[in-house]
Protein backbone atom coordinates (compact mmCIF):
# COMPACT_ATOMS: atom_id res chain seq x y z
CA UNK A 1 0.11 0.00 0.14
CA UNK A 2 1.18 3.24 -0.38
CA UNK A 3 1.86 5.75 2.13
CA UNK A 4 0.11 8.90 2.46
CA UNK A 5 0.94 12.55 2.02
CA UNK A 6 0.22 13.95 6.05
CA UNK A 7 -0.90 16.92 6.40
CA UNK A 8 1.57 18.68 8.31
CA UNK A 9 0.50 20.57 9.91
CA UNK A 10 -1.98 18.93 11.33
CA UNK A 11 0.58 16.71 12.16
CA UNK A 12 1.81 19.57 14.14
CA UNK A 13 -1.62 20.60 16.06
CA UNK A 14 -1.75 16.49 17.52
CA UNK A 15 1.79 16.40 18.79
CA UNK A 16 1.36 19.63 20.48
CA UNK A 17 -1.75 19.00 21.31
CA UNK A 18 0.51 15.24 22.55
CA UNK A 19 1.98 16.78 24.74
CA UNK A 20 -0.31 19.72 26.39
CA UNK A 21 -1.39 15.98 27.63
CA UNK A 22 0.55 15.08 29.11
CA UNK A 23 1.59 18.03 31.52
CA UNK A 24 -1.69 18.49 32.01
CA UNK A 25 -1.81 14.16 33.16
CA UNK A 26 1.61 15.05 34.52
CA UNK A 27 -0.46 17.00 37.03
CA UNK A 28 -3.52 15.07 37.15
CA UNK A 29 -1.88 11.96 38.51
CA UNK A 30 0.61 14.67 41.14
CA UNK A 31 -3.39 15.68 42.64
CA UNK A 32 -4.96 12.18 42.07
CA UNK A 33 -3.07 9.94 43.92
CA UNK A 34 -2.83 12.21 46.79
CA UNK A 35 -7.20 10.65 46.99
CA UNK A 36 -5.79 7.22 47.06
CA UNK A 37 -7.01 5.58 49.23
CA UNK A 38 -6.74 2.35 48.38
CA UNK A 39 -2.86 1.45 48.64
CA UNK A 40 -3.13 -0.48 45.65
CA UNK A 41 -4.59 2.57 43.75
CA UNK A 42 -1.71 4.90 45.03
CA UNK A 43 1.38 1.64 43.39
CA UNK A 44 -0.23 2.66 40.64
CA UNK A 45 -0.81 5.68 40.36
CA UNK A 46 2.94 6.50 41.23
CA UNK A 47 3.55 4.02 38.34
CA UNK A 48 1.46 5.98 36.15
CA UNK A 49 2.93 9.34 36.97
CA UNK A 50 6.54 8.45 36.51
CA UNK A 51 5.49 6.84 32.53
CA UNK A 52 3.84 9.57 31.92
CA UNK A 53 6.87 12.12 32.62
CA UNK A 54 8.89 10.02 30.35
CA UNK A 55 6.14 9.81 27.98
CA UNK A 56 6.48 14.22 28.54
CA UNK A 57 10.50 14.00 27.85
CA UNK A 58 9.60 11.30 24.99
CA UNK A 59 7.58 13.62 23.56
CA UNK A 60 10.21 16.44 23.88
CA UNK A 61 12.93 14.21 22.02
CA UNK A 62 10.70 14.66 18.90
CA UNK A 63 9.92 18.03 19.21
CA UNK A 64 13.84 18.72 19.15
CA UNK A 65 14.64 15.76 15.79
CA UNK A 66 11.32 18.08 14.11
CA UNK A 67 12.30 20.58 14.91
CA UNK A 68 8.93 21.81 16.78
CA UNK A 69 9.13 24.95 19.47
CA UNK A 70 7.18 22.93 22.64
CA UNK A 71 6.28 26.13 24.47
CA UNK A 72 4.37 27.03 21.09
CA UNK A 73 1.17 27.62 21.40
CA UNK A 74 -2.01 26.93 19.53
CA UNK A 75 -6.09 27.55 20.15
CA UNK A 76 -5.82 23.63 20.22
CA UNK A 77 -3.43 23.15 22.70
CA UNK A 78 -4.60 25.57 24.60
CA UNK A 79 -8.52 24.04 24.72
CA UNK A 80 -6.11 20.60 26.10
CA UNK A 81 -4.73 22.63 29.01
CA UNK A 82 -7.87 24.33 29.62
CA UNK A 83 -8.94 21.00 30.12
CA UNK A 84 -6.23 20.03 32.23
CA UNK A 85 -6.70 22.09 34.76
CA UNK A 86 -10.26 21.76 34.80
CA UNK A 87 -9.10 18.12 35.81
CA UNK A 88 -7.81 19.01 38.13
CA UNK A 89 -9.85 21.62 39.67
CA UNK A 90 -12.91 19.03 40.13
CA UNK A 91 -9.77 16.42 42.34
CA UNK A 92 -9.42 19.75 44.64
CA UNK A 93 -13.02 20.15 44.83
CA UNK A 94 -13.36 16.18 45.15
CA UNK A 95 -10.77 16.45 47.83
CA UNK A 96 -12.65 19.55 49.83
CA UNK A 97 -16.41 18.06 50.21
CA UNK A 98 -14.81 15.63 52.43
CA UNK A 99 -15.56 12.23 51.22
CA UNK A 100 -12.59 10.81 50.91
CA UNK A 101 -14.49 7.03 49.48
CA UNK A 102 -16.15 10.51 47.15
CA UNK A 103 -12.33 12.42 46.45
CA UNK A 104 -10.98 8.08 45.27
CA UNK A 105 -13.26 8.10 42.95
CA UNK A 106 -13.65 11.34 41.49
CA UNK A 107 -9.85 11.06 40.45
CA UNK A 108 -9.82 8.04 39.16
CA UNK A 109 -12.42 9.14 36.46
CA UNK A 110 -10.25 12.28 36.52
CA UNK A 111 -7.56 9.40 35.33
CA UNK A 112 -9.48 8.19 33.04
CA UNK A 113 -10.90 11.00 31.07
CA UNK A 114 -7.62 12.31 30.95
CA UNK A 115 -6.14 8.89 29.67
CA UNK A 116 -8.74 8.56 27.69
CA UNK A 117 -7.47 11.84 25.12
CA UNK A 118 -3.45 10.69 25.96
CA UNK A 119 -4.50 7.35 24.82
CA UNK A 120 -6.58 9.00 21.23
CA UNK A 121 -3.12 10.74 20.54
CA UNK A 122 -0.78 8.07 20.82
CA UNK A 123 -3.46 5.82 18.76
CA UNK A 124 -3.21 8.53 16.27
CA UNK A 125 0.25 9.08 15.75
CA UNK A 126 1.41 5.12 15.51
CA UNK A 127 -1.01 5.85 12.23
CA UNK A 128 0.72 8.97 11.13
CA UNK A 129 4.08 6.43 11.78
CA UNK A 130 2.66 3.18 10.20
CA UNK A 131 0.92 5.52 7.12
CA UNK A 132 2.49 8.43 6.36
CA UNK A 133 5.27 9.59 4.13
CA UNK A 134 8.18 11.59 4.88
CA UNK A 135 10.83 12.09 7.48
CA UNK A 136 8.84 12.60 10.40
CA UNK A 137 7.58 9.46 10.44
CA UNK A 138 10.29 6.78 11.89
CA UNK A 139 10.97 9.50 14.62
CA UNK A 140 7.57 8.54 15.68
CA UNK A 141 7.81 5.31 14.91
CA UNK A 142 10.42 4.68 17.33
CA UNK A 143 8.10 6.84 20.45
CA UNK A 144 5.15 4.81 19.13
CA UNK A 145 6.94 1.99 20.32
CA UNK A 146 7.98 2.72 23.08
CA UNK A 147 5.12 4.04 24.30
CA UNK A 148 1.81 2.47 22.58
CA UNK A 149 2.33 -0.34 25.67
CA UNK A 150 2.38 1.68 28.40
CA UNK A 151 -0.79 4.09 27.55
CA UNK A 152 -3.21 1.54 26.53
CA UNK A 153 -2.30 -0.13 30.25
CA UNK A 154 -3.39 3.43 31.87
CA UNK A 155 -6.20 3.36 29.96
CA UNK A 156 -7.16 0.48 31.05
CA UNK A 157 -6.99 -0.53 34.10
CA UNK A 158 -7.82 3.02 34.95
CA UNK A 159 -11.43 1.86 33.62
CA UNK A 160 -11.11 -1.12 35.68
CA UNK A 161 -10.30 0.57 38.75
CA UNK A 162 -13.08 3.48 38.09
CA UNK A 163 -15.73 1.21 37.68
CA UNK A 164 -14.44 -1.36 40.84
CA UNK A 165 -14.31 1.19 43.05
CA UNK A 166 -17.68 2.57 42.56
CA UNK A 167 -18.93 -1.29 42.86
CA UNK A 168 -17.58 -1.55 46.26
CA UNK A 169 -19.08 1.81 46.98
CA UNK A 170 -22.06 0.52 46.18
CA UNK A 171 -22.21 -2.22 47.85
CA UNK A 172 -21.48 -5.43 46.18
CA UNK A 173 -18.74 -7.42 45.47
CA UNK A 174 -15.53 -5.61 43.43
CA UNK A 175 -12.62 -6.93 42.32
CA UNK A 176 -9.85 -5.28 43.54
CA UNK A 177 -7.33 -4.35 42.49
CA UNK A 178 -9.90 -4.58 39.22
CA UNK A 179 -9.86 -7.91 37.14
CA UNK A 180 -7.73 -5.81 33.70
CA UNK A 181 -4.51 -5.20 36.47
CA UNK A 182 -4.73 -8.91 37.16
CA UNK A 183 -5.13 -9.99 34.10
CA UNK A 184 -2.05 -7.33 33.01
CA UNK A 185 -4.32 -6.43 29.97
CA UNK A 186 -2.91 -4.20 27.06
CA UNK A 187 -5.73 -3.94 24.29
CA UNK A 188 -9.20 -3.54 24.41
CA UNK A 189 -9.83 -7.25 23.55
CA UNK A 190 -8.18 -8.30 27.28
CA UNK A 191 -10.08 -5.37 29.08
CA UNK A 192 -13.74 -6.56 27.15
CA UNK A 193 -13.21 -10.27 27.98
CA UNK A 194 -11.60 -9.22 31.98
CA UNK A 195 -14.67 -7.49 32.74
CA UNK A 196 -16.52 -10.41 31.23
CA UNK A 197 -15.01 -12.41 33.70
CA UNK A 198 -15.13 -10.78 37.14
CA UNK A 199 -17.72 -12.44 37.79
CA UNK A 200 -15.72 -16.05 37.80
CA UNK A 201 -13.19 -14.17 39.34
CA UNK A 202 -15.83 -13.13 42.44
CA UNK A 203 -16.39 -17.07 42.76
CA UNK A 204 -13.07 -18.32 42.79
CA UNK A 205 -12.76 -15.74 45.79
CA UNK A 206 -10.23 -13.26 43.63
């Protein structure tokens, strides 16, 4: 299949948004960790915070290789920054509410929202790297191959945590840590299978 000519302006926009997403994600995790009552969740978020810092550094290396200014602003990047700030403010609002369980749930949901955007960014970067033509594709492919599995884990595991913590808060039987973490899920298919198999894990006493 012939490689496609990529719209460089739009690719740059994607990269600016991706960098801003990682910057905002660092702040989201820093605040979410403060809300983590469950010790396993705290450890998970600690690890994801360090990985997110590394993802930011990988993107800064991409910017250097492509001759992009990491400080440059675009309307889209400003929107992403606003979204990140709003998630941090939401976590702080939950903390101020005086309900540790509610704050933990809110923090987990904010992480899921941040990681949904982050995951999409890297999925799109991967599509450019695999299907585009030009010098940028090799640089992007190396970055994508390093980061992809971690981004999958961040999203699917965080969604599992949010679901199971909600189930637990409702007084129902929860699987903690969630099936996605226990089964080391890294794809959408395996995430779906893990969720479907949670009842069996409950019967076995997890």
